[in-house]
PDB file of N, CA and C in Angstrom:
ATOM      1  N   UNK A   1      84.720 -76.094  85.889  1.00  0.00           N
ATOM      2  CA  UNK A   1      83.468 -76.009  86.240  1.00  0.00           C
ATOM      3  C   UNK A   1      82.597 -76.279  85.024  1.00  0.00           C
ATOM      4  N   UNK A   2      81.784 -77.376  85.168  1.00  0.00           N
ATOM      5  CA  UNK A   2      80.600 -77.744  83.772  1.00  0.00           C
ATOM      6  C   UNK A   2      79.447 -77.087  84.108  1.00  0.00           C
ATOM      7  N   UNK A   3      79.477 -76.903  82.437  1.00  0.00           N
ATOM      8  CA  UNK A   3      77.997 -75.454  82.844  1.00  0.00           C
ATOM      9  C   UNK A   3      76.721 -75.908  82.083  1.00  0.00           C
ATOM     10  N   UNK A   4      75.559 -76.320  82.435  1.00  0.00           N
ATOM     11  CA  UNK A   4      74.466 -76.958  81.294  1.00  0.00           C
ATOM     12  C   UNK A   4      73.583 -76.043  81.687  1.00  0.00           C
ATOM     13  N   UNK A   5      72.075 -76.766  81.175  1.00  0.00           N
ATOM     14  CA  UNK A   5      71.123 -75.774  81.290  1.00  0.00           C
ATOM     15  C   UNK A   5      70.363 -77.001  80.579  1.00  0.00           C
ATOM     16  N   UNK A   6      68.683 -77.267  82.190  1.00  0.00           N
ATOM     17  CA  UNK A   6      67.807 -78.008  81.778  1.00  0.00           C
ATOM     18  C   UNK A   6      66.840 -77.050  81.684  1.00  0.00           C
ATOM     19  N   UNK A   7      65.857 -77.600  80.091  1.00  0.00           N
ATOM     20  CA  UNK A   7      65.067 -76.950  80.206  1.00  0.00           C
ATOM     21  C   UNK A   7      63.766 -77.689  80.380  1.00  0.00           C
ATOM     22  N   UNK A   8      62.967 -77.101  81.069  1.00  0.00           N
ATOM     23  CA  UNK A   8      61.739 -77.861  81.423  1.00  0.00           C
ATOM     24  C   UNK A   8      60.155 -77.390  80.441  1.00  0.00           C
ATOM     25  N   UNK A   9      59.447 -78.020  79.805  1.00  0.00           N
ATOM     26  CA  UNK A   9      58.480 -77.823  78.820  1.00  0.00           C
ATOM     27  C   UNK A   9      57.391 -78.983  79.514  1.00  0.00           C
ATOM     28  N   UNK A  10      56.464 -77.983  79.633  1.00  0.00           N
ATOM     29  CA  UNK A  10      54.778 -78.571  79.953  1.00  0.00           C
ATOM     30  C   UNK A  10      53.831 -78.117  79.214  1.00  0.00           C
ATOM     31  N   UNK A  11      52.628 -78.662  79.063  1.00  0.00           N
ATOM     32  CA  UNK A  11      51.510 -77.802  78.517  1.00  0.00           C
ATOM     33  C   UNK A  11      51.277 -76.748  78.841  1.00  0.00           C
ATOM     34  N   UNK A  12      51.623 -76.359  80.023  1.00  0.00           N
ATOM     35  CA  UNK A  12      51.496 -74.724  80.442  1.00  0.00           C
ATOM     36  C   UNK A  12      52.621 -73.518  81.059  1.00  0.00           C
ATOM     37  N   UNK A  13      53.877 -74.534  81.095  1.00  0.00           N
ATOM     38  CA  UNK A  13      55.099 -74.035  81.338  1.00  0.00           C
ATOM     39  C   UNK A  13      56.535 -74.175  80.425  1.00  0.00           C
ATOM     40  N   UNK A  14      57.044 -72.993  80.048  1.00  0.00           N
ATOM     41  CA  UNK A  14      58.587 -72.648  79.573  1.00  0.00           C
ATOM     42  C   UNK A  14      59.420 -72.835  80.662  1.00  0.00           C
ATOM     43  N   UNK A  15      60.485 -73.538  80.853  1.00  0.00           N
ATOM     44  CA  UNK A  15      60.999 -72.902  82.066  1.00  0.00           C
ATOM     45  C   UNK A  15      62.787 -73.274  82.030  1.00  0.00           C
ATOM     46  N   UNK A  16      63.859 -72.604  82.019  1.00  0.00           N
ATOM     47  CA  UNK A  16      65.072 -72.977  81.644  1.00  0.00           C
ATOM     48  C   UNK A  16      65.907 -72.526  83.153  1.00  0.00           C
ATOM     49  N   UNK A  17      66.519 -73.414  83.571  1.00  0.00           N
ATOM     50  CA  UNK A  17      67.110 -73.576  84.509  1.00  0.00           C
ATOM     51  C   UNK A  17      68.903 -73.351  84.060  1.00  0.00           C
ATOM     52  N   UNK A  18      70.053 -72.929  84.518  1.00  0.00           N
ATOM     53  CA  UNK A  18      71.038 -73.254  84.085  1.00  0.00           C
ATOM     54  C   UNK A  18      71.989 -73.474  85.554  1.00  0.00           C
ATOM     55  N   UNK A  19      72.632 -74.598  85.372  1.00  0.00           N
ATOM     56  CA  UNK A  19      73.627 -74.577  86.155  1.00  0.00           C
ATOM     57  C   UNK A  19      75.339 -74.677  86.428  1.00  0.00           C
ATOM     58  N   UNK A  20      75.808 -75.089  87.294  1.00  0.00           N
ATOM     59  CA  UNK A  20      77.008 -75.014  87.284  1.00  0.00           C
ATOM     60  C   UNK A  20      78.145 -75.338  89.031  1.00  0.00           C
ATOM     61  N   UNK A  21      78.866 -75.919  88.173  1.00  0.00           N
ATOM     62  CA  UNK A  21      79.435 -77.027  89.569  1.00  0.00           C
ATOM     63  C   UNK A  21      79.259 -78.753  88.790  1.00  0.00           C
ATOM     64  N   UNK A  22      80.301 -79.710  89.550  1.00  0.00           N
ATOM     65  CA  UNK A  22      80.808 -80.386  89.213  1.00  0.00           C
ATOM     66  C   UNK A  22      78.942 -82.304  89.732  1.00  0.00           C
ATOM     67  N   UNK A  23      79.436 -82.447  90.667  1.00  0.00           N
ATOM     68  CA  UNK A  23      78.742 -83.883  91.279  1.00  0.00           C
ATOM     69  C   UNK A  23      77.461 -82.787  92.202  1.00  0.00           C
ATOM     70  N   UNK A  24      77.872 -81.947  92.603  1.00  0.00           N
ATOM     71  CA  UNK A  24      76.467 -80.789  93.533  1.00  0.00           C
ATOM     72  C   UNK A  24      76.465 -79.888  93.090  1.00  0.00           C
ATOM     73  N   UNK A  25      75.460 -79.393  91.456  1.00  0.00           N
ATOM     74  CA  UNK A  25      75.780 -78.231  90.862  1.00  0.00           C
ATOM     75  C   UNK A  25      74.664 -77.692  91.534  1.00  0.00           C
ATOM     76  N   UNK A  26      74.995 -76.398  91.047  1.00  0.00           N
ATOM     77  CA  UNK A  26      73.703 -75.370  91.852  1.00  0.00           C
ATOM     78  C   UNK A  26      73.370 -74.046  90.981  1.00  0.00           C
ATOM     79  N   UNK A  27      72.278 -73.959  91.025  1.00  0.00           N
ATOM     80  CA  UNK A  27      71.535 -73.312  89.774  1.00  0.00           C
ATOM     81  C   UNK A  27      72.043 -71.699  90.307  1.00  0.00           C
ATOM     82  N   UNK A  28      73.034 -71.202  89.033  1.00  0.00           N
ATOM     83  CA  UNK A  28      73.252 -69.806  88.746  1.00  0.00           C
ATOM     84  C   UNK A  28      71.724 -68.871  88.005  1.00  0.00           C
ATOM     85  N   UNK A  29      71.181 -69.299  87.557  1.00  0.00           N
ATOM     86  CA  UNK A  29      70.156 -68.561  86.920  1.00  0.00           C
ATOM     87  C   UNK A  29      69.020 -69.279  86.491  1.00  0.00           C
ATOM     88  N   UNK A  30      67.611 -68.681  86.456  1.00  0.00           N
ATOM     89  CA  UNK A  30      66.461 -69.657  86.457  1.00  0.00           C
ATOM     90  C   UNK A  30      65.353 -68.466  85.740  1.00  0.00           C
ATOM     91  N   UNK A  31      64.755 -68.859  84.669  1.00  0.00           N
ATOM     92  CA  UNK A  31      63.618 -68.216  83.946  1.00  0.00           C
ATOM     93  C   UNK A  31      62.432 -69.591  83.693  1.00  0.00           C
ATOM     94  N   UNK A  32      61.627 -68.359  84.100  1.00  0.00           N
ATOM     95  CA  UNK A  32      60.024 -69.442  83.696  1.00  0.00           C
ATOM     96  C   UNK A  32      58.952 -68.509  82.855  1.00  0.00           C
ATOM     97  N   UNK A  33      58.207 -69.238  81.917  1.00  0.00           N
ATOM     98  CA  UNK A  33      56.825 -68.636  80.802  1.00  0.00           C
ATOM     99  C   UNK A  33      56.023 -68.834  80.841  1.00  0.00           C
ATOM    100  N   UNK A  34      55.241 -68.762  80.616  1.00  0.00           N
ATOM    101  CA  UNK A  34      53.776 -69.756  79.737  1.00  0.00           C
ATOM    102  C   UNK A  34      54.475 -69.967  78.906  1.00  0.00           C
ATOM    103  N   UNK A  35      54.128 -71.658  78.476  1.00  0.00           N
ATOM    104  CA  UNK A  35      53.945 -72.127  77.072  1.00  0.00           C
ATOM    105  C   UNK A  35      53.228 -71.641  75.724  1.00  0.00           C
ATOM    106  N   UNK A  36      53.767 -71.979  74.595  1.00  0.00           N
ATOM    107  CA  UNK A  36      52.756 -71.870  73.630  1.00  0.00           C
ATOM    108  C   UNK A  36      52.072 -73.333  73.358  1.00  0.00           C
ATOM    109  N   UNK A  37      50.743 -73.445  73.070  1.00  0.00           N
ATOM    110  CA  UNK A  37      50.264 -74.637  73.046  1.00  0.00           C
ATOM    111  C   UNK A  37      50.350 -75.143  72.195  1.00  0.00           C
ATOM    112  N   UNK A  38      50.335 -74.878  71.012  1.00  0.00           N
ATOM    113  CA  UNK A  38      50.937 -75.420  69.382  1.00  0.00           C
ATOM    114  C   UNK A  38      51.998 -75.697  68.731  1.00  0.00           C
ATOM    115  N   UNK A  39      52.627 -75.173  69.361  1.00  0.00           N
ATOM    116  CA  UNK A  39      54.267 -75.427  69.023  1.00  0.00           C
ATOM    117  C   UNK A  39      54.498 -76.744  69.021  1.00  0.00           C
ATOM    118  N   UNK A  40      55.509 -77.373  68.647  1.00  0.00           N
ATOM    119  CA  UNK A  40      56.160 -78.653  68.356  1.00  0.00           C
ATOM    120  C   UNK A  40      57.389 -78.553  69.816  1.00  0.00           C
ATOM    121  N   UNK A  41      57.804 -79.530  70.076  1.00  0.00           N
ATOM    122  CA  UNK A  41      58.948 -79.723  70.959  1.00  0.00           C
ATOM    123  C   UNK A  41      59.847 -79.114  71.382  1.00  0.00           C
ATOM    124  N   UNK A  42      60.423 -79.266  69.431  1.00  0.00           N
ATOM    125  CA  UNK A  42      61.631 -78.321  69.096  1.00  0.00           C
ATOM    126  C   UNK A  42      61.364 -76.932  68.851  1.00  0.00           C
ATOM    127  N   UNK A  43      60.385 -76.076  68.546  1.00  0.00           N
ATOM    128  CA  UNK A  43      60.268 -74.732  68.864  1.00  0.00           C
ATOM    129  C   UNK A  43      60.116 -74.028  70.545  1.00  0.00           C
ATOM    130  N   UNK A  44      59.798 -75.414  71.175  1.00  0.00           N
ATOM    131  CA  UNK A  44      59.821 -75.010  72.682  1.00  0.00           C
ATOM    132  C   UNK A  44      61.317 -75.212  73.038  1.00  0.00           C
ATOM    133  N   UNK A  45      61.695 -76.459  72.854  1.00  0.00           N
ATOM    134  CA  UNK A  45      62.754 -76.037  73.242  1.00  0.00           C
ATOM    135  C   UNK A  45      64.000 -74.748  72.856  1.00  0.00           C
ATOM    136  N   UNK A  46      63.710 -74.218  71.372  1.00  0.00           N
ATOM    137  CA  UNK A  46      64.889 -73.323  70.665  1.00  0.00           C
ATOM    138  C   UNK A  46      63.897 -71.718  71.996  1.00  0.00           C
ATOM    139  N   UNK A  47      62.418 -71.897  72.159  1.00  0.00           N
ATOM    140  CA  UNK A  47      61.954 -70.791  73.346  1.00  0.00           C
ATOM    141  C   UNK A  47      62.315 -70.681  74.336  1.00  0.00           C
ATOM    142  N   UNK A  48      62.621 -71.982  74.665  1.00  0.00           N
ATOM    143  CA  UNK A  48      63.157 -72.224  76.421  1.00  0.00           C
ATOM    144  C   UNK A  48      65.038 -71.246  76.497  1.00  0.00           C
ATOM    145  N   UNK A  49      65.824 -72.099  75.315  1.00  0.00           N
ATOM    146  CA  UNK A  49      67.150 -72.233  75.123  1.00  0.00           C
ATOM    147  C   UNK A  49      67.094 -70.071  74.967  1.00  0.00           C
ATOM    148  N   UNK A  50      66.067 -69.623  74.520  1.00  0.00           N
ATOM    149  CA  UNK A  50      66.099 -68.028  74.347  1.00  0.00           C
ATOM    150  C   UNK A  50      66.067 -67.611  75.490  1.00  0.00           C
ATOM    151  N   UNK A  51      65.759 -68.082  76.483  1.00  0.00           N
ATOM    152  CA  UNK A  51      64.845 -67.214  77.606  1.00  0.00           C
ATOM    153  C   UNK A  51      66.518 -66.317  78.522  1.00  0.00           C
ATOM    154  N   UNK A  52      67.115 -67.315  78.377  1.00  0.00           N
ATOM    155  CA  UNK A  52      68.732 -66.760  78.592  1.00  0.00           C
ATOM    156  C   UNK A  52      69.780 -66.419  77.426  1.00  0.00           C
ATOM    157  N   UNK A  53      70.327 -65.078  78.103  1.00  0.00           N
ATOM    158  CA  UNK A  53      71.849 -64.917  77.331  1.00  0.00           C
ATOM    159  C   UNK A  53      72.030 -65.601  76.763  1.00  0.00           C
ATOM    160  N   UNK A  54      73.585 -66.812  77.608  1.00  0.00           N
ATOM    161  CA  UNK A  54      74.339 -67.490  76.832  1.00  0.00           C
ATOM    162  C   UNK A  54      73.432 -68.778  76.214  1.00  0.00           C
ATOM    163  N   UNK A  55      74.180 -69.573  75.628  1.00  0.00           N
ATOM    164  CA  UNK A  55      73.765 -71.486  75.125  1.00  0.00           C
ATOM    165  C   UNK A  55      74.984 -71.696  76.249  1.00  0.00           C
ATOM    166  N   UNK A  56      74.334 -73.045  76.848  1.00  0.00           N
ATOM    167  CA  UNK A  56      75.321 -73.689  77.313  1.00  0.00           C
ATOM    168  C   UNK A  56      75.778 -75.158  76.744  1.00  0.00           C
ATOM    169  N   UNK A  57      77.348 -75.616  76.969  1.00  0.00           N
ATOM    170  CA  UNK A  57      77.607 -76.736  76.512  1.00  0.00           C
ATOM    171  C   UNK A  57      76.640 -78.220  76.332  1.00  0.00           C
ATOM    172  N   UNK A  58      75.805 -77.954  77.336  1.00  0.00           N
ATOM    173  CA  UNK A  58      75.453 -79.223  77.433  1.00  0.00           C
ATOM    174  C   UNK A  58      73.762 -78.677  77.947  1.00  0.00           C
ATOM    175  N   UNK A  59      72.651 -79.495  76.783  1.00  0.00           N
ATOM    176  CA  UNK A  59      71.353 -79.302  77.533  1.00  0.00           C
ATOM    177  C   UNK A  59      70.047 -80.261  77.574  1.00  0.00           C
ATOM    178  N   UNK A  60      70.049 -80.141  78.779  1.00  0.00           N
ATOM    179  CA  UNK A  60      68.872 -81.429  79.125  1.00  0.00           C
ATOM    180  C   UNK A  60      67.876 -81.212  78.805  1.00  0.00           C
ATOM    181  N   UNK A  61      66.338 -81.642  77.856  1.00  0.00           N
ATOM    182  CA  UNK A  61      65.130 -81.534  77.623  1.00  0.00           C
ATOM    183  C   UNK A  61      64.476 -82.081  78.720  1.00  0.00           C
ATOM    184  N   UNK A  62      63.499 -81.708  79.758  1.00  0.00           N
ATOM    185  CA  UNK A  62      62.648 -82.679  79.855  1.00  0.00           C
ATOM    186  C   UNK A  62      60.739 -82.053  79.226  1.00  0.00           C
ATOM    187  N   UNK A  63      60.456 -82.925  79.606  1.00  0.00           N
ATOM    188  CA  UNK A  63      59.091 -82.686  78.589  1.00  0.00           C
ATOM    189  C   UNK A  63      58.568 -83.414  79.282  1.00  0.00           C
ATOM    190  N   UNK A  64      56.673 -83.057  79.332  1.00  0.00           N
ATOM    191  CA  UNK A  64      55.526 -84.056  79.020  1.00  0.00           C
ATOM    192  C   UNK A  64      54.823 -83.749  77.895  1.00  0.00           C
ATOM    193  N   UNK A  65      55.202 -83.589  77.169  1.00  0.00           N
ATOM    194  CA  UNK A  65      54.422 -83.695  75.580  1.00  0.00           C
ATOM    195  C   UNK A  65      55.083 -84.629  75.116  1.00  0.00           C
ATOM    196  N   UNK A  66      55.527 -86.072  75.455  1.00  0.00           N
ATOM    197  CA  UNK A  66      55.559 -86.923  74.811  1.00  0.00           C
ATOM    198  C   UNK A  66      54.602 -88.532  75.629  1.00  0.00           C
ATOM    199  N   UNK A  67      54.665 -88.759  74.659  1.00  0.00           N
ATOM    200  CA  UNK A  67      54.044 -90.256  74.411  1.00  0.00           C
ATOM    201  C   UNK A  67      54.964 -91.225  74.860  1.00  0.00           C
ATOM    202  N   UNK A  68      54.650 -92.126  75.988  1.00  0.00           N
ATOM    203  CA  UNK A  68      55.656 -93.003  75.333  1.00  0.00           C
ATOM    204  C   UNK A  68      54.513 -94.269  76.257  1.00  0.00           C
ATOM    205  N   UNK A  69      55.035 -95.495  75.868  1.00  0.00           N
ATOM    206  CA  UNK A  69      54.296 -96.492  76.175  1.00  0.00           C
ATOM    207  C   UNK A  69      54.411 -98.060  75.025  1.00  0.00           C
ATOM    208  N   UNK A  70      53.765 -99.019  75.593  1.00  0.00           N
ATOM    209  CA  UNK A  70      54.022 -99.832  74.675  1.00  0.00           C
ATOM    210  C   UNK A  70      52.557-100.422  74.083  1.00  0.00           C
ATOM    211  N   UNK A  71      53.254-100.909  73.000  1.00  0.00           N
ATOM    212  CA  UNK A  71      51.942-101.299  71.753  1.00  0.00           C
ATOM    213  C   UNK A  71      51.918-102.399  71.083  1.00  0.00           C
ATOM    214  N   UNK A  72      50.686-103.462  71.266  1.00  0.00           N
ATOM    215  CA  UNK A  72      51.629-104.677  70.900  1.00  0.00           C
ATOM    216  C   UNK A  72      50.934-104.979  68.892  1.00  0.00           C
ATOM    217  N   UNK A  73      51.450-105.066  68.504  1.00  0.00           N
ATOM    218  CA  UNK A  73      51.199-105.816  66.948  1.00  0.00           C
ATOM    219  C   UNK A  73      51.928-106.916  66.734  1.00  0.00           C
ATOM    220  N   UNK A  74      51.005-107.489  66.209  1.00  0.00           N
ATOM    221  CA  UNK A  74      50.719-108.909  65.995  1.00  0.00           C
ATOM    222  C   UNK A  74      51.835-109.299  64.839  1.00  0.00           C
ATOM    223  N   UNK A  75      52.352-110.476  64.536  1.00  0.00           N
ATOM    224  CA  UNK A  75      53.938-109.960  64.002  1.00  0.00           C
ATOM    225  C   UNK A  75      53.359-110.855  62.545  1.00  0.00           C
ATOM    226  N   UNK A  76      52.320-110.816  62.151  1.00  0.00           N
ATOM    227  CA  UNK A  76      51.864-110.748  60.124  1.00  0.00           C
ATOM    228  C   UNK A  76      52.394-109.200  59.908  1.00  0.00           C
ATOM    229  N   UNK A  77      51.934-108.349  60.867  1.00  0.00           N
ATOM    230  CA  UNK A  77      52.167-107.320  60.191  1.00  0.00           C
ATOM    231  C   UNK A  77      54.382-106.308  59.894  1.00  0.00           C
ATOM    232  N   UNK A  78      54.326-107.025  61.106  1.00  0.00           N
ATOM    233  CA  UNK A  78      55.886-106.678  61.208  1.00  0.00           C
ATOM    234  C   UNK A  78      56.774-107.111  60.431  1.00  0.00           C
ATOM    235  N   UNK A  79      56.407-108.791  60.407  1.00  0.00           N
ATOM    236  CA  UNK A  79      57.392-110.027  59.593  1.00  0.00           C
ATOM    237  C   UNK A  79      57.986-108.981  58.463  1.00  0.00           C
ATOM    238  N   UNK A  80      59.304-108.693  58.472  1.00  0.00           N
ATOM    239  CA  UNK A  80      60.519-108.469  57.370  1.00  0.00           C
ATOM    240  C   UNK A  80      60.443-106.943  57.481  1.00  0.00           C
ATOM    241  N   UNK A  81      59.555-106.504  58.129  1.00  0.00           N
ATOM    242  CA  UNK A  81      59.619-104.990  57.849  1.00  0.00           C
ATOM    243  C   UNK A  81      60.813-104.367  58.863  1.00  0.00           C
ATOM    244  N   UNK A  82      61.174-103.149  58.953  1.00  0.00           N
ATOM    245  CA  UNK A  82      62.305-102.698  59.630  1.00  0.00           C
ATOM    246  C   UNK A  82      62.204-100.865  59.355  1.00  0.00           C
ATOM    247  N   UNK A  83      63.279-100.561  60.142  1.00  0.00           N
ATOM    248  CA  UNK A  83      63.487 -98.616  60.114  1.00  0.00           C
ATOM    249  C   UNK A  83      61.993 -97.809  59.805  1.00  0.00           C
ATOM    250  N   UNK A  84      61.772 -97.322  59.035  1.00  0.00           N
ATOM    251  CA  UNK A  84      60.934 -96.309  58.709  1.00  0.00           C
ATOM    252  C   UNK A  84      59.350 -96.695  58.934  1.00  0.00           C
ATOM    253  N   UNK A  85      59.630 -97.989  57.941  1.00  0.00           N
ATOM    254  CA  UNK A  85      58.334 -98.715  57.522  1.00  0.00           C
ATOM    255  C   UNK A  85      58.146 -99.302  58.870  1.00  0.00           C
ATOM    256  N   UNK A  86      58.973 -99.776  59.933  1.00  0.00           N
ATOM    257  CA  UNK A  86      58.270-100.476  60.987  1.00  0.00           C
ATOM    258  C   UNK A  86      58.177 -99.300  61.972  1.00  0.00           C
ATOM    259  N   UNK A  87      58.603 -98.220  62.307  1.00  0.00           N
ATOM    260  CA  UNK A  87      58.396 -97.372  63.143  1.00  0.00           C
ATOM    261  C   UNK A  87      56.843 -96.303  62.872  1.00  0.00           C
ATOM    262  N   UNK A  88      56.561 -96.506  61.418  1.00  0.00           N
ATOM    263  CA  UNK A  88      55.356 -95.511  60.698  1.00  0.00           C
ATOM    264  C   UNK A  88      54.452 -96.689  60.983  1.00  0.00           C
ATOM    265  N   UNK A  89      54.827 -98.267  61.391  1.00  0.00           N
ATOM    266  CA  UNK A  89      53.685 -98.633  61.287  1.00  0.00           C
ATOM    267  C   UNK A  89      53.359 -99.021  63.030  1.00  0.00           C
ATOM    268  N   UNK A  90      53.873 -98.777  63.883  1.00  0.00           N
ATOM    269  CA  UNK A  90      53.678 -98.469  65.272  1.00  0.00           C
ATOM    270  C   UNK A  90      53.466 -97.047  65.691  1.00  0.00           C
ATOM    271  N   UNK A  91      53.350 -96.162  64.641  1.00  0.00           N
ATOM    272  CA  UNK A  91      53.369 -94.891  64.791  1.00  0.00           C
ATOM    273  C   UNK A  91      51.390 -95.288  64.924  1.00  0.00           C
ATOM    274  N   UNK A  92      51.052 -95.619  63.349  1.00  0.00           N
ATOM    275  CA  UNK A  92      49.971 -95.606  63.506  1.00  0.00           C
ATOM    276  C   UNK A  92      48.776 -96.461  64.701  1.00  0.00           C
ATOM    277  N   UNK A  93      49.571 -97.801  64.858  1.00  0.00           N
ATOM    278  CA  UNK A  93      49.218 -98.409  66.299  1.00  0.00           C
ATOM    279  C   UNK A  93      48.881 -97.954  67.231  1.00  0.00           C
ATOM    280  N   UNK A  94      50.415 -97.094  67.903  1.00  0.00           N
ATOM    281  CA  UNK A  94      49.757 -96.096  68.634  1.00  0.00           C
ATOM    282  C   UNK A  94      48.934 -94.505  68.791  1.00  0.00           C
ATOM    283  N   UNK A  95      48.933 -94.044  67.666  1.00  0.00           N
ATOM    284  CA  UNK A  95      47.900 -93.161  67.348  1.00  0.00           C
ATOM    285  C   UNK A  95      46.759 -93.195  68.200  1.00  0.00           C
ATOM    286  N   UNK A  96      45.767 -94.484  68.552  1.00  0.00           N
ATOM    287  CA  UNK A  96      44.719 -94.449  68.854  1.00  0.00           C
ATOM    288  C   UNK A  96      44.762 -94.338  70.565  1.00  0.00           C
ATOM    289  N   UNK A  97      46.323 -94.734  71.431  1.00  0.00           N
ATOM    290  CA  UNK A  97      46.599 -94.532  72.784  1.00  0.00           C
ATOM    291  C   UNK A  97      46.757 -92.734  72.886  1.00  0.00           C
ATOM    292  N   UNK A  98      48.068 -93.041  72.032  1.00  0.00           N
ATOM    293  CA  UNK A  98      48.061 -91.872  72.315  1.00  0.00           C
ATOM    294  C   UNK A  98      47.504 -90.286  71.833  1.00  0.00           C
ATOM    295  N   UNK A  99      46.646 -90.309  70.593  1.00  0.00           N
ATOM    296  CA  UNK A  99      45.790 -88.964  70.406  1.00  0.00           C
ATOM    297  C   UNK A  99      47.012 -88.408  69.682  1.00  0.00           C
ATOM    298  N   UNK A 100      47.838 -88.666  69.137  1.00  0.00           N
ATOM    299  CA  UNK A 100      48.871 -88.188  68.721  1.00  0.00           C
ATOM    300  C   UNK A 100      48.786 -88.850  67.215  1.00  0.00           C
ATOM    301  N   UNK A 101      48.656 -87.753  65.911  1.00  0.00           N
ATOM    302  CA  UNK A 101      48.603 -87.710  64.652  1.00  0.00           C
ATOM    303  C   UNK A 101      49.558 -88.948  64.392  1.00  0.00           C
ATOM    304  N   UNK A 102      49.488 -90.272  63.246  1.00  0.00           N
ATOM    305  CA  UNK A 102      50.541 -91.148  63.462  1.00  0.00           C
ATOM    306  C   UNK A 102      51.975 -90.089  62.579  1.00  0.00           C
ATOM    307  N   UNK A 103      51.017 -89.291  61.464  1.00  0.00           N
ATOM    308  CA  UNK A 103      51.569 -88.119  60.708  1.00  0.00           C
ATOM    309  C   UNK A 103      52.621 -87.026  61.327  1.00  0.00           C
ATOM    310  N   UNK A 104      52.035 -86.662  62.716  1.00  0.00           N
ATOM    311  CA  UNK A 104      52.821 -85.757  62.863  1.00  0.00           C
ATOM    312  C   UNK A 104      53.864 -86.129  64.006  1.00  0.00           C
ATOM    313  N   UNK A 105      54.091 -87.511  63.912  1.00  0.00           N
ATOM    314  CA  UNK A 105      54.509 -87.843  65.333  1.00  0.00           C
ATOM    315  C   UNK A 105      55.788 -88.785  64.678  1.00  0.00           C
ATOM    316  N   UNK A 106      56.964 -88.477  65.562  1.00  0.00           N
ATOM    317  CA  UNK A 106      58.183 -89.392  65.426  1.00  0.00           C
ATOM    318  C   UNK A 106      58.325 -90.845  66.604  1.00  0.00           C
ATOM    319  N   UNK A 107      58.433 -91.770  66.156  1.00  0.00           N
ATOM    320  CA  UNK A 107      58.081 -92.716  66.531  1.00  0.00           C
ATOM    321  C   UNK A 107      59.358 -94.068  66.641  1.00  0.00           C
ATOM    322  N   UNK A 108      59.535 -94.451  67.763  1.00  0.00           N
ATOM    323  CA  UNK A 108      61.211 -95.317  68.087  1.00  0.00           C
ATOM    324  C   UNK A 108      60.666 -96.767  68.357  1.00  0.00           C
ATOM    325  N   UNK A 109      61.070 -97.503  68.564  1.00  0.00           N
ATOM    326  CA  UNK A 109      60.973 -99.517  68.629  1.00  0.00           C
ATOM    327  C   UNK A 109      62.045 -99.958  69.680  1.00  0.00           C
ATOM    328  N   UNK A 110      61.639-100.598  70.800  1.00  0.00           N
ATOM    329  CA  UNK A 110      62.664-101.807  71.287  1.00  0.00           C
ATOM    330  C   UNK A 110      61.562-103.341  71.133  1.00  0.00           C
ATOM    331  N   UNK A 111      62.074-103.991  70.469  1.00  0.00           N
ATOM    332  CA  UNK A 111      60.975-104.665  70.624  1.00  0.00           C
ATOM    333  C   UNK A 111      61.623-105.895  72.101  1.00  0.00           C
ATOM    334  N   UNK A 112      60.486-105.920  72.834  1.00  0.00           N
ATOM    335  CA  UNK A 112      59.946-106.735  73.896  1.00  0.00           C
ATOM    336  C   UNK A 112      60.139-108.233  74.000  1.00  0.00           C
ATOM    337  N   UNK A 113      60.558-108.664  74.572  1.00  0.00           N
ATOM    338  CA  UNK A 113      60.595-110.444  75.223  1.00  0.00           C
ATOM    339  C   UNK A 113      59.206-110.503  74.799  1.00  0.00           C
ATOM    340  N   UNK A 114      58.276-112.120  74.452  1.00  0.00           N
ATOM    341  CA  UNK A 114      57.587-112.055  74.578  1.00  0.00           C
ATOM    342  C   UNK A 114      56.969-112.467  76.145  1.00  0.00           C
ATOM    343  N   UNK A 115      55.471-112.597  76.398  1.00  0.00           N
ATOM    344  CA  UNK A 115      55.420-112.869  77.952  1.00  0.00           C
ATOM    345  C   UNK A 115      55.904-114.312  78.074  1.00  0.00           C
ATOM    346  N   UNK A 116      56.053-114.349  79.280  1.00  0.00           N
ATOM    347  CA  UNK A 116      56.023-116.261  79.412  1.00  0.00           C
ATOM    348  C   UNK A 116      54.874-116.291  80.497  1.00  0.00           C
TER     349      UNK A 116
END
């Protein structure tokens, strides 16, 4: 039987749900408490894991504390860039839309095809 946990992290709530079973798992335990407003998602995930006694092998984190969206950056800004430099440029562009400081965020990117 597979044992796993789902962690729910929102602005107001931390929750942990332990499940067991295969294709149709059942909730075996659950814990809910108020969230800590100014903590990182990593710190909150650790706090949510600590709500229960034992750690599970598979842990899924669901959160509303991430911003996802598209930003458009001109080719003149990104030509020849890759890796960390490109992600920092994207973070700077996304800061306006997300409200998250580029220096306190982690960015990832995927180039989309141009509009037809």
